[in-house]
PDB file of all heavy atoms in Angstrom:
ATOM      1  N   ALA A   1      -2.305  -0.036   8.261  1.00  0.00           N
ATOM      2  CA  ALA A   1      -3.363  -1.038   8.321  1.00  0.00           C
ATOM      3  C   ALA A   1      -4.515  -0.488   9.156  1.00  0.00           C
ATOM      4  O   ALA A   1      -4.305  -0.028  10.274  1.00  0.00           O
ATOM      5  CB  ALA A   1      -2.830  -2.336   8.926  1.00  0.00           C
ATOM      6  N   MET A   2      -5.701  -0.531   8.594  1.00  0.00           N
ATOM      7  CA  MET A   2      -6.899  -0.029   9.268  1.00  0.00           C
ATOM      8  C   MET A   2      -7.919  -1.163   9.350  1.00  0.00           C
ATOM      9  O   MET A   2      -7.737  -2.200   8.716  1.00  0.00           O
ATOM     10  CB  MET A   2      -7.467   1.156   8.480  1.00  0.00           C
ATOM     11  CG  MET A   2      -6.480   2.299   8.313  1.00  0.00           C
ATOM     12  SD  MET A   2      -6.980   3.521   7.075  1.00  0.00           S
ATOM     13  CE  MET A   2      -6.577   2.655   5.558  1.00  0.00           C
ATOM     14  N   ASP A   3      -8.976  -0.956  10.087  1.00  0.00           N
ATOM     15  CA  ASP A   3     -10.013  -1.983  10.193  1.00  0.00           C
ATOM     16  C   ASP A   3     -10.618  -2.319   8.826  1.00  0.00           C
ATOM     17  O   ASP A   3     -10.919  -3.473   8.547  1.00  0.00           O
ATOM     18  CB  ASP A   3     -11.144  -1.529  11.124  1.00  0.00           C
ATOM     19  CG  ASP A   3     -10.734  -1.511  12.586  1.00  0.00           C
ATOM     20  OD1 ASP A   3      -9.747  -2.182  12.941  1.00  0.00           O
ATOM     21  OD2 ASP A   3     -11.405  -0.808  13.370  1.00  0.00           O
ATOM     22  N   GLU A   4     -10.803  -1.313   7.988  1.00  0.00           N
ATOM     23  CA  GLU A   4     -11.513  -1.507   6.728  1.00  0.00           C
ATOM     24  C   GLU A   4     -10.623  -1.364   5.494  1.00  0.00           C
ATOM     25  O   GLU A   4     -11.129  -1.141   4.395  1.00  0.00           O
ATOM     26  CB  GLU A   4     -12.684  -0.530   6.633  1.00  0.00           C
ATOM     27  CG  GLU A   4     -13.708  -0.698   7.736  1.00  0.00           C
ATOM     28  CD  GLU A   4     -14.342  -2.091   7.761  1.00  0.00           C
ATOM     29  OE1 GLU A   4     -14.577  -2.667   6.682  1.00  0.00           O
ATOM     30  OE2 GLU A   4     -14.589  -2.602   8.865  1.00  0.00           O
ATOM     31  N   GLY A   5      -9.316  -1.465   5.644  1.00  0.00           N
ATOM     32  CA  GLY A   5      -8.439  -1.382   4.484  1.00  0.00           C
ATOM     33  C   GLY A   5      -7.013  -1.065   4.859  1.00  0.00           C
ATOM     34  O   GLY A   5      -6.695  -0.894   6.040  1.00  0.00           O
ATOM     35  N   SER A   6      -6.174  -0.996   3.862  1.00  0.00           N
ATOM     36  CA  SER A   6      -4.764  -0.669   4.056  1.00  0.00           C
ATOM     37  C   SER A   6      -4.326   0.327   3.005  1.00  0.00           C
ATOM     38  O   SER A   6      -4.859   0.351   1.896  1.00  0.00           O
ATOM     39  CB  SER A   6      -3.902  -1.931   3.930  1.00  0.00           C
ATOM     40  OG  SER A   6      -4.223  -2.864   4.921  1.00  0.00           O
ATOM     41  N   VAL A   7      -3.338   1.139   3.369  1.00  0.00           N
ATOM     42  CA  VAL A   7      -2.714   2.057   2.431  1.00  0.00           C
ATOM     43  C   VAL A   7      -1.219   1.762   2.452  1.00  0.00           C
ATOM     44  O   VAL A   7      -0.611   1.677   3.521  1.00  0.00           O
ATOM     45  CB  VAL A   7      -2.962   3.536   2.811  1.00  0.00           C
ATOM     46  CG1 VAL A   7      -2.198   4.467   1.882  1.00  0.00           C
ATOM     47  CG2 VAL A   7      -4.447   3.858   2.779  1.00  0.00           C
ATOM     48  N   PHE A   8      -0.657   1.571   1.274  1.00  0.00           N
ATOM     49  CA  PHE A   8       0.769   1.326   1.116  1.00  0.00           C
ATOM     50  C   PHE A   8       1.362   2.489   0.336  1.00  0.00           C
ATOM     51  O   PHE A   8       0.763   2.952  -0.635  1.00  0.00           O
ATOM     52  CB  PHE A   8       1.019   0.045   0.296  1.00  0.00           C
ATOM     53  CG  PHE A   8       0.447  -1.202   0.897  1.00  0.00           C
ATOM     54  CD1 PHE A   8      -0.897  -1.521   0.741  1.00  0.00           C
ATOM     55  CD2 PHE A   8       1.260  -2.077   1.602  1.00  0.00           C
ATOM     56  CE1 PHE A   8      -1.419  -2.686   1.277  1.00  0.00           C
ATOM     57  CE2 PHE A   8       0.741  -3.243   2.134  1.00  0.00           C
ATOM     58  CZ  PHE A   8      -0.599  -3.553   1.977  1.00  0.00           C
ATOM     59  N   VAL A   9       2.534   2.949   0.738  1.00  0.00           N
ATOM     60  CA  VAL A   9       3.234   4.012   0.037  1.00  0.00           C
ATOM     61  C   VAL A   9       4.675   3.552  -0.166  1.00  0.00           C
ATOM     62  O   VAL A   9       5.325   3.121   0.787  1.00  0.00           O
ATOM     63  CB  VAL A   9       3.200   5.341   0.827  1.00  0.00           C
ATOM     64  CG1 VAL A   9       3.951   6.426   0.071  1.00  0.00           C
ATOM     65  CG2 VAL A   9       1.761   5.766   1.102  1.00  0.00           C
ATOM     66  N   MET A  10       5.151   3.636  -1.409  1.00  0.00           N
ATOM     67  CA  MET A  10       6.514   3.220  -1.727  1.00  0.00           C
ATOM     68  C   MET A  10       7.191   4.291  -2.564  1.00  0.00           C
ATOM     69  O   MET A  10       6.570   4.846  -3.477  1.00  0.00           O
ATOM     70  CB  MET A  10       6.480   1.891  -2.499  1.00  0.00           C
ATOM     71  CG  MET A  10       7.835   1.241  -2.676  1.00  0.00           C
ATOM     72  SD  MET A  10       7.729  -0.405  -3.452  1.00  0.00           S
ATOM     73  CE  MET A  10       7.176  -1.397  -2.058  1.00  0.00           C
ATOM     74  N   SER A  11       8.451   4.580  -2.252  1.00  0.00           N
ATOM     75  CA  SER A  11       9.229   5.552  -3.017  1.00  0.00           C
ATOM     76  C   SER A  11       9.537   5.003  -4.394  1.00  0.00           C
ATOM     77  O   SER A  11       9.863   3.824  -4.542  1.00  0.00           O
ATOM     78  CB  SER A  11      10.541   5.853  -2.303  1.00  0.00           C
ATOM     79  OG  SER A  11      10.295   6.431  -1.053  1.00  0.00           O
ATOM     80  N   ILE A  12       9.435   5.874  -5.400  1.00  0.00           N
ATOM     81  CA  ILE A  12       9.785   5.470  -6.768  1.00  0.00           C
ATOM     82  C   ILE A  12      11.139   6.066  -7.125  1.00  0.00           C
ATOM     83  O   ILE A  12      12.134   5.365  -7.188  1.00  0.00           O
ATOM     84  CB  ILE A  12       8.713   5.911  -7.788  1.00  0.00           C
ATOM     85  CG1 ILE A  12       7.370   5.273  -7.467  1.00  0.00           C
ATOM     86  CG2 ILE A  12       9.149   5.542  -9.197  1.00  0.00           C
ATOM     87  CD1 ILE A  12       6.230   5.710  -8.363  1.00  0.00           C
ATOM     88  N   SER A  13      11.171   7.366  -7.373  1.00  0.00           N
ATOM     89  CA  SER A  13      12.423   8.051  -7.692  1.00  0.00           C
ATOM     90  C   SER A  13      12.217   9.540  -7.551  1.00  0.00           C
ATOM     91  O   SER A  13      11.099  10.040  -7.709  1.00  0.00           O
ATOM     92  CB  SER A  13      12.876   7.726  -9.119  1.00  0.00           C
ATOM     93  OG  SER A  13      11.948   8.221 -10.063  1.00  0.00           O
ATOM     94  N   ASP A  14      13.281  10.253  -7.232  1.00  0.00           N
ATOM     95  CA  ASP A  14      13.240  11.719  -7.118  1.00  0.00           C
ATOM     96  C   ASP A  14      12.069  12.209  -6.271  1.00  0.00           C
ATOM     97  O   ASP A  14      11.480  13.235  -6.564  1.00  0.00           O
ATOM     98  CB  ASP A  14      13.163  12.372  -8.503  1.00  0.00           C
ATOM     99  CG  ASP A  14      14.391  12.092  -9.341  1.00  0.00           C
ATOM    100  OD1 ASP A  14      15.454  11.862  -8.749  1.00  0.00           O
ATOM    101  OD2 ASP A  14      14.280  12.107 -10.565  1.00  0.00           O
ATOM    102  N   GLY A  15      11.691  11.470  -5.245  1.00  0.00           N
ATOM    103  CA  GLY A  15      10.602  11.888  -4.374  1.00  0.00           C
ATOM    104  C   GLY A  15       9.222  11.476  -4.831  1.00  0.00           C
ATOM    105  O   GLY A  15       8.249  11.699  -4.124  1.00  0.00           O
ATOM    106  N   SER A  16       9.105  10.889  -6.018  1.00  0.00           N
ATOM    107  CA  SER A  16       7.803  10.398  -6.484  1.00  0.00           C
ATOM    108  C   SER A  16       7.405   9.190  -5.649  1.00  0.00           C
ATOM    109  O   SER A  16       8.252   8.446  -5.156  1.00  0.00           O
ATOM    110  CB  SER A  16       7.865  10.017  -7.958  1.00  0.00           C
ATOM    111  OG  SER A  16       8.154  11.133  -8.746  1.00  0.00           O
ATOM    112  N   LEU A  17       6.094   8.992  -5.511  1.00  0.00           N
ATOM    113  CA  LEU A  17       5.579   7.931  -4.655  1.00  0.00           C
ATOM    114  C   LEU A  17       4.518   7.106  -5.375  1.00  0.00           C
ATOM    115  O   LEU A  17       3.725   7.646  -6.145  1.00  0.00           O
ATOM    116  CB  LEU A  17       4.941   8.530  -3.395  1.00  0.00           C
ATOM    117  CG  LEU A  17       5.839   9.379  -2.502  1.00  0.00           C
ATOM    118  CD1 LEU A  17       5.000  10.142  -1.484  1.00  0.00           C
ATOM    119  CD2 LEU A  17       6.872   8.509  -1.816  1.00  0.00           C
ATOM    120  N   LEU A  18       4.505   5.833  -5.088  1.00  0.00           N
ATOM    121  CA  LEU A  18       3.445   4.927  -5.530  1.00  0.00           C
ATOM    122  C   LEU A  18       2.568   4.654  -4.319  1.00  0.00           C
ATOM    123  O   LEU A  18       3.068   4.274  -3.256  1.00  0.00           O
ATOM    124  CB  LEU A  18       4.050   3.618  -6.048  1.00  0.00           C
ATOM    125  CG  LEU A  18       3.072   2.485  -6.363  1.00  0.00           C
ATOM    126  CD1 LEU A  18       2.145   2.868  -7.507  1.00  0.00           C
ATOM    127  CD2 LEU A  18       3.840   1.201  -6.692  1.00  0.00           C
ATOM    128  N   GLY A  19       1.255   4.869  -4.456  1.00  0.00           N
ATOM    129  CA  GLY A  19       0.324   4.617  -3.370  1.00  0.00           C
ATOM    130  C   GLY A  19      -0.733   3.620  -3.773  1.00  0.00           C
ATOM    131  O   GLY A  19      -1.220   3.640  -4.898  1.00  0.00           O
ATOM    132  N   VAL A  20      -1.068   2.736  -2.851  1.00  0.00           N
ATOM    133  CA  VAL A  20      -2.071   1.697  -3.095  1.00  0.00           C
ATOM    134  C   VAL A  20      -3.066   1.681  -1.949  1.00  0.00           C
ATOM    135  O   VAL A  20      -2.678   1.708  -0.782  1.00  0.00           O
ATOM    136  CB  VAL A  20      -1.400   0.302  -3.224  1.00  0.00           C
ATOM    137  CG1 VAL A  20      -2.441  -0.808  -3.237  1.00  0.00           C
ATOM    138  CG2 VAL A  20      -0.524   0.231  -4.465  1.00  0.00           C
ATOM    139  N   HIS A  21      -4.343   1.643  -2.294  1.00  0.00           N
ATOM    140  CA  HIS A  21      -5.412   1.438  -1.311  1.00  0.00           C
ATOM    141  C   HIS A  21      -5.927   0.026  -1.536  1.00  0.00           C
ATOM    142  O   HIS A  21      -6.336  -0.327  -2.651  1.00  0.00           O
ATOM    143  CB  HIS A  21      -6.532   2.463  -1.513  1.00  0.00           C
ATOM    144  CG  HIS A  21      -7.709   2.228  -0.630  1.00  0.00           C
ATOM    145  ND1 HIS A  21      -8.994   2.236  -1.106  1.00  0.00           N
ATOM    146  CD2 HIS A  21      -7.804   1.973   0.698  1.00  0.00           C
ATOM    147  CE1 HIS A  21      -9.830   1.994  -0.112  1.00  0.00           C
ATOM    148  NE2 HIS A  21      -9.130   1.839   0.989  1.00  0.00           N
ATOM    149  N   ALA A  22      -5.876  -0.803  -0.480  1.00  0.00           N
ATOM    150  CA  ALA A  22      -6.234  -2.219  -0.611  1.00  0.00           C
ATOM    151  C   ALA A  22      -7.248  -2.626   0.452  1.00  0.00           C
ATOM    152  O   ALA A  22      -7.469  -1.916   1.432  1.00  0.00           O
ATOM    153  CB  ALA A  22      -4.976  -3.080  -0.489  1.00  0.00           C
ATOM    154  N   THR A  23      -7.817  -3.789   0.245  1.00  0.00           N
ATOM    155  CA  THR A  23      -8.802  -4.353   1.168  1.00  0.00           C
ATOM    156  C   THR A  23      -8.114  -4.778   2.464  1.00  0.00           C
ATOM    157  O   THR A  23      -6.904  -5.019   2.481  1.00  0.00           O
ATOM    158  CB  THR A  23      -9.498  -5.581   0.554  1.00  0.00           C
ATOM    159  OG1 THR A  23      -8.516  -6.584   0.292  1.00  0.00           O
ATOM    160  CG2 THR A  23     -10.231  -5.226  -0.722  1.00  0.00           C
ATOM    161  N   PRO A  24      -8.889  -4.905   3.554  1.00  0.00           N
ATOM    162  CA  PRO A  24      -8.277  -5.304   4.819  1.00  0.00           C
ATOM    163  C   PRO A  24      -7.748  -6.742   4.800  1.00  0.00           C
ATOM    164  O   PRO A  24      -6.845  -7.081   5.553  1.00  0.00           O
ATOM    165  CB  PRO A  24      -9.401  -5.150   5.842  1.00  0.00           C
ATOM    166  CG  PRO A  24     -10.664  -5.136   5.053  1.00  0.00           C
ATOM    167  CD  PRO A  24     -10.313  -4.613   3.690  1.00  0.00           C
ATOM    168  N   ASP A  25      -8.273  -7.574   3.918  1.00  0.00           N
ATOM    169  CA  ASP A  25      -7.842  -8.969   3.876  1.00  0.00           C
ATOM    170  C   ASP A  25      -6.839  -9.268   2.760  1.00  0.00           C
ATOM    171  O   ASP A  25      -6.561 -10.423   2.467  1.00  0.00           O
ATOM    172  CB  ASP A  25      -9.056  -9.888   3.747  1.00  0.00           C
ATOM    173  CG  ASP A  25      -9.854  -9.638   2.470  1.00  0.00           C
ATOM    174  OD1 ASP A  25      -9.643  -8.578   1.831  1.00  0.00           O
ATOM    175  OD2 ASP A  25     -10.698 -10.486   2.128  1.00  0.00           O
ATOM    176  N   CYS A  26      -6.268  -8.216   2.166  1.00  0.00           N
ATOM    177  CA  CYS A  26      -5.297  -8.438   1.102  1.00  0.00           C
ATOM    178  C   CYS A  26      -4.055  -9.120   1.683  1.00  0.00           C
ATOM    179  O   CYS A  26      -3.785  -9.029   2.877  1.00  0.00           O
ATOM    180  CB  CYS A  26      -4.903  -7.125   0.429  1.00  0.00           C
ATOM    181  SG  CYS A  26      -3.863  -6.059   1.463  1.00  0.00           S
ATOM    182  N   ASP A  27      -3.319  -9.797   0.837  1.00  0.00           N
ATOM    183  CA  ASP A  27      -2.046 -10.383   1.244  1.00  0.00           C
ATOM    184  C   ASP A  27      -1.008  -9.275   1.131  1.00  0.00           C
ATOM    185  O   ASP A  27      -0.572  -8.920   0.032  1.00  0.00           O
ATOM    186  CB  ASP A  27      -1.702 -11.563   0.345  1.00  0.00           C
ATOM    187  CG  ASP A  27      -0.464 -12.318   0.792  1.00  0.00           C
ATOM    188  OD1 ASP A  27       0.440 -11.687   1.397  1.00  0.00           O
ATOM    189  OD2 ASP A  27      -0.390 -13.527   0.534  1.00  0.00           O
ATOM    190  N   MET A  28      -0.621  -8.722   2.261  1.00  0.00           N
ATOM    191  CA  MET A  28       0.258  -7.547   2.269  1.00  0.00           C
ATOM    192  C   MET A  28       1.600  -7.819   1.590  1.00  0.00           C
ATOM    193  O   MET A  28       2.147  -6.935   0.922  1.00  0.00           O
ATOM    194  CB  MET A  28       0.473  -7.061   3.697  1.00  0.00           C
ATOM    195  CG  MET A  28      -0.771  -6.500   4.324  1.00  0.00           C
ATOM    196  SD  MET A  28      -0.456  -5.992   6.011  1.00  0.00           S
ATOM    197  CE  MET A  28      -2.114  -5.683   6.558  1.00  0.00           C
ATOM    198  N   SER A  29       2.109  -9.028   1.735  1.00  0.00           N
ATOM    199  CA  SER A  29       3.393  -9.335   1.101  1.00  0.00           C
ATOM    200  C   SER A  29       3.255  -9.387  -0.418  1.00  0.00           C
ATOM    201  O   SER A  29       4.168  -8.974  -1.137  1.00  0.00           O
ATOM    202  CB  SER A  29       3.974 -10.644   1.642  1.00  0.00           C
ATOM    203  OG  SER A  29       3.110 -11.735   1.361  1.00  0.00           O
ATOM    204  N   VAL A  30       2.123  -9.836  -0.917  1.00  0.00           N
ATOM    205  CA  VAL A  30       1.892  -9.871  -2.368  1.00  0.00           C
ATOM    206  C   VAL A  30       1.751  -8.448  -2.901  1.00  0.00           C
ATOM    207  O   VAL A  30       2.325  -8.104  -3.940  1.00  0.00           O
ATOM    208  CB  VAL A  30       0.651 -10.726  -2.714  1.00  0.00           C
ATOM    209  CG1 VAL A  30       0.258 -10.576  -4.176  1.00  0.00           C
ATOM    210  CG2 VAL A  30       0.907 -12.190  -2.379  1.00  0.00           C
ATOM    211  N   VAL A  31       1.009  -7.609  -2.192  1.00  0.00           N
ATOM    212  CA  VAL A  31       0.860  -6.214  -2.606  1.00  0.00           C
ATOM    213  C   VAL A  31       2.228  -5.535  -2.627  1.00  0.00           C
ATOM    214  O   VAL A  31       2.593  -4.872  -3.603  1.00  0.00           O
ATOM    215  CB  VAL A  31      -0.129  -5.453  -1.688  1.00  0.00           C
ATOM    216  CG1 VAL A  31      -0.132  -3.965  -2.000  1.00  0.00           C
ATOM    217  CG2 VAL A  31      -1.542  -6.031  -1.826  1.00  0.00           C
ATOM    218  N   ALA A  32       3.010  -5.695  -1.562  1.00  0.00           N
ATOM    219  CA  ALA A  32       4.336  -5.064  -1.487  1.00  0.00           C
ATOM    220  C   ALA A  32       5.251  -5.581  -2.599  1.00  0.00           C
ATOM    221  O   ALA A  32       6.000  -4.797  -3.201  1.00  0.00           O
ATOM    222  CB  ALA A  32       4.957  -5.324  -0.122  1.00  0.00           C
TER     223      ALA A  32
END
C-alpha cells in the first residue's frame, strides 16, 4: 500500500504470479 496506489501479487501456479496495480482508495478485500 502506497500513498498513491497499491500493488497486489498473488501466486497462480508453478511460480507464475498475478499482479494488480490499483488506486489508493480501492476496496482491498474486493480486489483480493
